[in-house]
Structures are given as structure tokens and as C-alpha cells.
Amino acid sequence: MFQINLRSQQSIYEQIIDNIKELIIRGVLPEDSELPSIRELSRTLTVNPNTVQKAFKELEREGFIYKVKGRGTFVSPRQDSTIDPQAVQKVCADIRNSVQELSYLGVPAEEIQKMVSDIAADPFDEDKKEGYL
């Protein structure tokens, strides 16, 4: 269910966040489903409980999960009508930086557009990232 790559440049807590977000977005973790406890997940992933706790706090701050005192942590109901403009701006800045880096590397604009279109069509298809250039 959760995958941690110890060789990744991405921190472990960010990997946990990304894994949980992906599972929620794909519907593997439906609304109001219970997540493993911090201790249980830290044992499963063999990481420090503080790392899992940090990831859960960030996911709660972003509105992906919520806590019920004495019961556990659950997936938040999807709120389609509410778009966080600050979150959108941050992601757009990340996209802009990535496009600038691809351009600097010499990737033609048409190829960058194809990459973005392919990713937007299926954001979780990991096989597509191998097929460029």
C-alpha cells in the first residue's frame, strides 16, 4: 500500500504524504475510511513515529485527513466546490519551475506540452515518465 524509497531525494515524510494523497485521489482510501495509526504505520514502514506524525499533521493542515479524538485518523470528505487559491498558486509555481528547467535542458516547447498533456490525462501513470525523449 505505502512505498518508501530510502534512496529518493524526497524526504520520507513527503513520500508518506504523497502516498496517502495518491491513495485518496485514486479512491483506494474512500471518504471517512480510517487510516492506520501513527505507531502502526511507523512499524510497517520502519520509520520513526515522529516522521509519520509530521506527515499526518501536514495532511490534516491541507484538508486530506481529519482526526477524531480517541477514535483515529480518517480520510476527509472531498470538497469539490472549494479550491484553495494559495495551493493552486504554489503548484503553478512548481510547474513553472519544472518547465523552465526542462527548457534549460534543451527540451523543445512542443515536447514539454506533450509531457504536460500526457500527465494531465493520467497523473498517476508512472510508465509515461519513461517514454520521453
N, C-alpha and C. Protein backbone atom coordinates (compact mmCIF):
# COMPACT_ATOMS: atom_id res chain seq x y z
N MET A 1 0.83 -1.19 0.00
CA MET A 1 0.00 0.00 0.00
C MET A 1 0.87 1.26 0.00
N PHE A 2 1.77 1.38 0.95
CA PHE A 2 2.65 2.53 1.03
C PHE A 2 4.03 2.12 0.54
N GLN A 3 4.67 3.04 -0.19
CA GLN A 3 6.00 2.74 -0.71
C GLN A 3 6.95 3.86 -0.30
N ILE A 4 8.03 3.49 0.34
CA ILE A 4 9.06 4.44 0.74
C ILE A 4 10.35 4.06 0.03
N ASN A 5 10.95 5.03 -0.63
CA ASN A 5 12.22 4.80 -1.32
C ASN A 5 13.31 5.51 -0.52
N LEU A 6 14.12 4.74 0.16
CA LEU A 6 15.15 5.32 1.02
C LEU A 6 16.25 6.01 0.23
N ARG A 7 16.35 5.73 -1.06
CA ARG A 7 17.36 6.37 -1.91
C ARG A 7 16.85 7.64 -2.58
N SER A 8 15.58 7.93 -2.38
CA SER A 8 14.98 9.11 -3.01
C SER A 8 15.52 10.39 -2.38
N GLN A 9 15.59 11.43 -3.19
CA GLN A 9 15.99 12.74 -2.65
C GLN A 9 14.84 13.37 -1.87
N GLN A 10 13.64 12.87 -2.08
CA GLN A 10 12.48 13.37 -1.37
C GLN A 10 12.49 12.81 0.06
N SER A 11 12.18 13.65 1.03
CA SER A 11 12.21 13.19 2.42
C SER A 11 11.15 12.12 2.65
N ILE A 12 11.34 11.33 3.69
CA ILE A 12 10.43 10.23 3.99
C ILE A 12 9.04 10.77 4.31
N TYR A 13 8.96 11.86 5.06
CA TYR A 13 7.63 12.37 5.42
C TYR A 13 6.90 12.89 4.18
N GLU A 14 7.63 13.45 3.21
CA GLU A 14 7.00 13.89 1.97
C GLU A 14 6.53 12.70 1.14
N GLN A 15 7.28 11.61 1.17
CA GLN A 15 6.87 10.40 0.47
C GLN A 15 5.60 9.82 1.09
N ILE A 16 5.50 9.86 2.41
CA ILE A 16 4.29 9.38 3.09
C ILE A 16 3.11 10.25 2.68
N ILE A 17 3.30 11.56 2.67
CA ILE A 17 2.23 12.49 2.27
C ILE A 17 1.79 12.17 0.85
N ASP A 18 2.74 12.05 -0.07
CA ASP A 18 2.40 11.78 -1.47
C ASP A 18 1.69 10.45 -1.63
N ASN A 19 2.15 9.42 -0.91
CA ASN A 19 1.50 8.11 -0.98
C ASN A 19 0.05 8.18 -0.53
N ILE A 20 -0.19 8.83 0.59
CA ILE A 20 -1.56 8.92 1.12
C ILE A 20 -2.43 9.76 0.20
N LYS A 21 -1.91 10.88 -0.30
CA LYS A 21 -2.69 11.70 -1.24
C LYS A 21 -3.08 10.90 -2.47
N GLU A 22 -2.12 10.15 -3.02
CA GLU A 22 -2.41 9.35 -4.21
C GLU A 22 -3.50 8.32 -3.93
N LEU A 23 -3.42 7.65 -2.79
CA LEU A 23 -4.42 6.64 -2.45
C LEU A 23 -5.80 7.27 -2.27
N ILE A 24 -5.83 8.49 -1.73
CA ILE A 24 -7.11 9.19 -1.56
C ILE A 24 -7.66 9.61 -2.91
N ILE A 25 -6.82 10.22 -3.74
CA ILE A 25 -7.26 10.73 -5.04
C ILE A 25 -7.72 9.59 -5.95
N ARG A 26 -7.04 8.46 -5.90
CA ARG A 26 -7.42 7.30 -6.72
C ARG A 26 -8.65 6.58 -6.19
N GLY A 27 -9.08 6.90 -4.97
CA GLY A 27 -10.25 6.26 -4.39
C GLY A 27 -9.95 4.97 -3.66
N VAL A 28 -8.66 4.64 -3.52
CA VAL A 28 -8.29 3.44 -2.76
C VAL A 28 -8.65 3.64 -1.29
N LEU A 29 -8.47 4.86 -0.80
CA LEU A 29 -8.90 5.23 0.54
C LEU A 29 -10.14 6.12 0.40
N PRO A 30 -11.34 5.55 0.55
CA PRO A 30 -12.55 6.35 0.38
C PRO A 30 -12.78 7.31 1.54
N GLU A 31 -13.70 8.25 1.32
CA GLU A 31 -14.04 9.23 2.36
C GLU A 31 -14.41 8.52 3.66
N ASP A 32 -13.98 9.09 4.75
CA ASP A 32 -14.27 8.63 6.11
C ASP A 32 -13.68 7.26 6.44
N SER A 33 -12.79 6.73 5.57
CA SER A 33 -12.13 5.47 5.92
C SER A 33 -11.00 5.78 6.90
N GLU A 34 -10.77 4.83 7.77
CA GLU A 34 -9.75 5.03 8.82
C GLU A 34 -8.37 4.70 8.29
N LEU A 35 -7.41 5.56 8.63
CA LEU A 35 -6.00 5.33 8.29
C LEU A 35 -5.37 4.50 9.41
N PRO A 36 -4.26 3.84 9.11
CA PRO A 36 -3.54 3.15 10.18
C PRO A 36 -3.08 4.18 11.23
N SER A 37 -2.92 3.73 12.45
CA SER A 37 -2.43 4.63 13.49
C SER A 37 -0.99 5.02 13.18
N ILE A 38 -0.54 6.08 13.82
CA ILE A 38 0.84 6.54 13.62
C ILE A 38 1.82 5.43 13.99
N ARG A 39 1.59 4.79 15.12
CA ARG A 39 2.50 3.71 15.54
C ARG A 39 2.48 2.53 14.58
N GLU A 40 1.28 2.16 14.15
CA GLU A 40 1.15 1.03 13.23
C GLU A 40 1.85 1.32 11.90
N LEU A 41 1.63 2.52 11.36
CA LEU A 41 2.25 2.87 10.09
C LEU A 41 3.76 3.01 10.23
N SER A 42 4.22 3.55 11.35
CA SER A 42 5.67 3.68 11.54
C SER A 42 6.33 2.31 11.65
N ARG A 43 5.65 1.36 12.28
CA ARG A 43 6.18 -0.02 12.35
C ARG A 43 6.20 -0.67 10.97
N THR A 44 5.12 -0.49 10.21
CA THR A 44 5.01 -1.09 8.87
C THR A 44 6.10 -0.55 7.95
N LEU A 45 6.32 0.77 8.01
CA LEU A 45 7.30 1.40 7.13
C LEU A 45 8.71 1.40 7.71
N THR A 46 8.84 0.97 8.96
CA THR A 46 10.10 1.01 9.72
C THR A 46 10.72 2.41 9.68
N VAL A 47 9.89 3.39 10.06
CA VAL A 47 10.35 4.77 10.18
C VAL A 47 9.97 5.28 11.56
N ASN A 48 10.57 6.37 11.95
CA ASN A 48 10.31 6.98 13.24
C ASN A 48 8.85 7.46 13.31
N PRO A 49 8.15 7.19 14.43
CA PRO A 49 6.77 7.66 14.57
C PRO A 49 6.62 9.18 14.40
N ASN A 50 7.66 9.93 14.78
CA ASN A 50 7.60 11.38 14.61
C ASN A 50 7.51 11.77 13.13
N THR A 51 8.11 10.97 12.26
CA THR A 51 8.06 11.22 10.82
C THR A 51 6.63 11.05 10.31
N VAL A 52 5.98 9.98 10.74
CA VAL A 52 4.59 9.72 10.35
C VAL A 52 3.69 10.81 10.92
N GLN A 53 3.93 11.19 12.18
CA GLN A 53 3.12 12.22 12.81
C GLN A 53 3.24 13.55 12.04
N LYS A 54 4.44 13.89 11.61
CA LYS A 54 4.66 15.11 10.84
C LYS A 54 3.88 15.06 9.53
N ALA A 55 3.89 13.91 8.87
CA ALA A 55 3.15 13.74 7.62
C ALA A 55 1.65 13.87 7.87
N PHE A 56 1.15 13.25 8.92
CA PHE A 56 -0.28 13.34 9.24
C PHE A 56 -0.69 14.77 9.56
N LYS A 57 0.16 15.50 10.27
CA LYS A 57 -0.16 16.90 10.59
C LYS A 57 -0.28 17.73 9.32
N GLU A 58 0.63 17.50 8.37
CA GLU A 58 0.59 18.24 7.11
C GLU A 58 -0.65 17.86 6.30
N LEU A 59 -0.97 16.59 6.24
CA LEU A 59 -2.17 16.15 5.52
C LEU A 59 -3.43 16.72 6.15
N GLU A 60 -3.44 16.82 7.47
CA GLU A 60 -4.59 17.42 8.16
C GLU A 60 -4.68 18.91 7.85
N ARG A 61 -3.54 19.58 7.85
CA ARG A 61 -3.50 21.01 7.53
C ARG A 61 -4.01 21.27 6.12
N GLU A 62 -3.68 20.37 5.20
CA GLU A 62 -4.09 20.51 3.81
C GLU A 62 -5.53 20.05 3.57
N GLY A 63 -6.15 19.44 4.59
CA GLY A 63 -7.55 19.04 4.47
C GLY A 63 -7.79 17.66 3.89
N PHE A 64 -6.75 16.84 3.78
CA PHE A 64 -6.91 15.50 3.24
C PHE A 64 -7.41 14.51 4.29
N ILE A 65 -7.06 14.75 5.55
CA ILE A 65 -7.47 13.85 6.62
C ILE A 65 -7.98 14.66 7.80
N TYR A 66 -8.67 13.99 8.72
CA TYR A 66 -9.10 14.63 9.96
C TYR A 66 -8.97 13.62 11.10
N LYS A 67 -8.83 14.13 12.31
CA LYS A 67 -8.68 13.28 13.49
C LYS A 67 -9.94 13.34 14.33
N VAL A 68 -10.27 12.22 14.92
CA VAL A 68 -11.34 12.14 15.90
C VAL A 68 -10.70 11.65 17.19
N LYS A 69 -10.72 12.50 18.19
CA LYS A 69 -10.05 12.18 19.45
C LYS A 69 -10.54 10.84 20.01
N GLY A 70 -9.58 9.98 20.26
CA GLY A 70 -9.88 8.67 20.84
C GLY A 70 -10.34 7.63 19.83
N ARG A 71 -10.54 8.01 18.57
CA ARG A 71 -11.02 7.06 17.56
C ARG A 71 -10.03 6.81 16.46
N GLY A 72 -9.27 7.84 16.05
CA GLY A 72 -8.29 7.63 15.00
C GLY A 72 -8.26 8.76 13.98
N THR A 73 -7.64 8.46 12.85
CA THR A 73 -7.47 9.43 11.77
C THR A 73 -8.21 8.90 10.54
N PHE A 74 -8.94 9.79 9.87
CA PHE A 74 -9.82 9.40 8.78
C PHE A 74 -9.62 10.28 7.55
N VAL A 75 -10.03 9.75 6.40
CA VAL A 75 -9.97 10.49 5.15
C VAL A 75 -11.10 11.52 5.13
N SER A 76 -10.76 12.76 4.84
CA SER A 76 -11.75 13.83 4.79
C SER A 76 -12.66 13.67 3.58
N PRO A 77 -13.91 14.08 3.72
CA PRO A 77 -14.79 14.10 2.55
C PRO A 77 -14.25 15.08 1.51
N ARG A 78 -14.42 14.73 0.26
CA ARG A 78 -13.93 15.57 -0.83
C ARG A 78 -14.76 16.85 -0.91
N GLN A 79 -14.06 17.95 -1.09
CA GLN A 79 -14.74 19.24 -1.16
C GLN A 79 -14.47 19.84 -2.53
N ASP A 80 -15.25 19.39 -3.52
CA ASP A 80 -15.05 19.81 -4.90
C ASP A 80 -15.26 21.30 -5.11
N SER A 81 -16.17 21.88 -4.37
CA SER A 81 -16.52 23.27 -4.62
C SER A 81 -15.50 24.27 -4.08
N THR A 82 -14.63 23.82 -3.19
CA THR A 82 -13.69 24.73 -2.58
C THR A 82 -12.30 24.51 -3.14
N ILE A 83 -11.79 25.52 -3.84
CA ILE A 83 -10.43 25.44 -4.38
C ILE A 83 -9.59 26.45 -3.62
N ASP A 84 -8.49 25.97 -3.07
CA ASP A 84 -7.60 26.82 -2.30
C ASP A 84 -6.68 27.58 -3.27
N PRO A 85 -6.90 28.89 -3.44
CA PRO A 85 -6.10 29.65 -4.40
C PRO A 85 -4.60 29.62 -4.08
N GLN A 86 -4.25 29.60 -2.82
CA GLN A 86 -2.84 29.56 -2.44
C GLN A 86 -2.20 28.24 -2.85
N ALA A 87 -2.93 27.14 -2.67
CA ALA A 87 -2.41 25.83 -3.06
C ALA A 87 -2.25 25.78 -4.58
N VAL A 88 -3.21 26.34 -5.30
CA VAL A 88 -3.13 26.36 -6.77
C VAL A 88 -1.93 27.18 -7.22
N GLN A 89 -1.71 28.33 -6.60
CA GLN A 89 -0.56 29.17 -6.94
C GLN A 89 0.76 28.46 -6.69
N LYS A 90 0.84 27.72 -5.57
CA LYS A 90 2.06 27.00 -5.25
C LYS A 90 2.35 25.93 -6.30
N VAL A 91 1.32 25.18 -6.67
CA VAL A 91 1.51 24.13 -7.68
C VAL A 91 1.87 24.74 -9.03
N CYS A 92 1.22 25.85 -9.38
CA CYS A 92 1.55 26.53 -10.64
C CYS A 92 3.01 27.00 -10.65
N ALA A 93 3.48 27.48 -9.52
CA ALA A 93 4.89 27.90 -9.42
C ALA A 93 5.81 26.70 -9.59
N ASP A 94 5.43 25.55 -9.02
CA ASP A 94 6.22 24.33 -9.19
C ASP A 94 6.25 23.91 -10.66
N ILE A 95 5.09 23.99 -11.32
CA ILE A 95 5.03 23.64 -12.74
C ILE A 95 5.90 24.59 -13.55
N ARG A 96 5.79 25.88 -13.26
CA ARG A 96 6.60 26.88 -13.98
C ARG A 96 8.09 26.59 -13.81
N ASN A 97 8.52 26.29 -12.59
CA ASN A 97 9.93 25.98 -12.34
C ASN A 97 10.36 24.74 -13.12
N SER A 98 9.50 23.72 -13.16
CA SER A 98 9.83 22.50 -13.88
C SER A 98 9.91 22.75 -15.38
N VAL A 99 8.99 23.54 -15.91
CA VAL A 99 9.01 23.86 -17.34
C VAL A 99 10.27 24.66 -17.68
N GLN A 100 10.63 25.60 -16.81
CA GLN A 100 11.85 26.38 -17.03
C GLN A 100 13.08 25.47 -17.03
N GLU A 101 13.11 24.51 -16.12
CA GLU A 101 14.24 23.59 -16.05
C GLU A 101 14.30 22.71 -17.31
N LEU A 102 13.14 22.22 -17.76
CA LEU A 102 13.11 21.42 -18.99
C LEU A 102 13.58 22.25 -20.18
N SER A 103 13.14 23.49 -20.23
CA SER A 103 13.56 24.39 -21.31
C SER A 103 15.07 24.61 -21.27
N TYR A 104 15.60 24.81 -20.07
CA TYR A 104 17.04 25.00 -19.90
C TYR A 104 17.82 23.77 -20.36
N LEU A 105 17.23 22.59 -20.15
CA LEU A 105 17.87 21.34 -20.56
C LEU A 105 17.80 21.12 -22.07
N GLY A 106 17.07 22.01 -22.76
CA GLY A 106 17.00 21.92 -24.21
C GLY A 106 15.81 21.17 -24.76
N VAL A 107 14.84 20.85 -23.90
CA VAL A 107 13.66 20.14 -24.36
C VAL A 107 12.77 21.13 -25.13
N PRO A 108 12.40 20.81 -26.36
CA PRO A 108 11.56 21.72 -27.15
C PRO A 108 10.19 21.95 -26.50
N ALA A 109 9.64 23.13 -26.74
CA ALA A 109 8.35 23.52 -26.15
C ALA A 109 7.25 22.51 -26.50
N GLU A 110 7.25 22.00 -27.73
CA GLU A 110 6.23 21.03 -28.15
C GLU A 110 6.31 19.76 -27.31
N GLU A 111 7.52 19.31 -27.01
CA GLU A 111 7.70 18.10 -26.21
C GLU A 111 7.24 18.36 -24.77
N ILE A 112 7.53 19.54 -24.25
CA ILE A 112 7.08 19.90 -22.89
C ILE A 112 5.55 19.89 -22.85
N GLN A 113 4.92 20.47 -23.87
CA GLN A 113 3.45 20.48 -23.92
C GLN A 113 2.90 19.07 -23.96
N LYS A 114 3.53 18.19 -24.73
CA LYS A 114 3.09 16.79 -24.80
C LYS A 114 3.22 16.12 -23.43
N MET A 115 4.33 16.38 -22.76
CA MET A 115 4.53 15.81 -21.43
C MET A 115 3.42 16.24 -20.48
N VAL A 116 3.15 17.54 -20.46
CA VAL A 116 2.13 18.08 -19.55
C VAL A 116 0.76 17.50 -19.90
N SER A 117 0.44 17.42 -21.19
CA SER A 117 -0.85 16.85 -21.61
C SER A 117 -0.98 15.40 -21.19
N ASP A 118 0.07 14.62 -21.39
CA ASP A 118 0.06 13.21 -21.01
C ASP A 118 -0.12 13.05 -19.50
N ILE A 119 0.58 13.86 -18.74
CA ILE A 119 0.49 13.79 -17.28
C ILE A 119 -0.91 14.20 -16.82
N ALA A 120 -1.46 15.25 -17.41
CA ALA A 120 -2.80 15.71 -17.03
C ALA A 120 -3.86 14.66 -17.36
N ALA A 121 -3.66 13.91 -18.46
CA ALA A 121 -4.62 12.88 -18.85
C ALA A 121 -4.67 11.74 -17.83
N ASP A 122 -3.53 11.38 -17.27
CA ASP A 122 -3.47 10.32 -16.25
C ASP A 122 -2.31 10.61 -15.31
N PRO A 123 -2.55 11.42 -14.27
CA PRO A 123 -1.47 11.87 -13.39
C PRO A 123 -0.72 10.77 -12.65
N PHE A 124 -1.30 9.56 -12.58
CA PHE A 124 -0.66 8.51 -11.79
C PHE A 124 -0.04 7.42 -12.64
N ASP A 125 -0.01 7.60 -13.96
CA ASP A 125 0.61 6.60 -14.84
C ASP A 125 2.12 6.79 -14.82
N GLU A 126 2.77 6.03 -13.97
CA GLU A 126 4.22 6.15 -13.80
C GLU A 126 5.00 5.70 -15.03
N ASP A 127 4.39 4.87 -15.89
CA ASP A 127 5.10 4.38 -17.08
C ASP A 127 5.33 5.48 -18.10
N LYS A 128 4.49 6.50 -18.12
CA LYS A 128 4.64 7.57 -19.11
C LYS A 128 5.91 8.37 -18.92
N LYS A 129 6.38 8.47 -17.71
CA LYS A 129 7.57 9.30 -17.46
C LYS A 129 8.82 8.71 -18.13
N GLU A 130 8.77 7.43 -18.49
CA GLU A 130 9.91 6.79 -19.12
C GLU A 130 9.96 7.03 -20.63
N GLY A 131 8.83 7.43 -21.23
CA GLY A 131 8.74 7.47 -22.67
C GLY A 131 9.12 8.79 -23.34
N TYR A 132 9.71 9.70 -22.64
CA TYR A 132 10.03 10.99 -23.23
C TYR A 132 11.48 11.03 -23.69
N LEU A 133 11.67 11.69 -24.82
CA LEU A 133 12.97 11.88 -25.46
C LEU A 133 13.69 10.63 -25.70
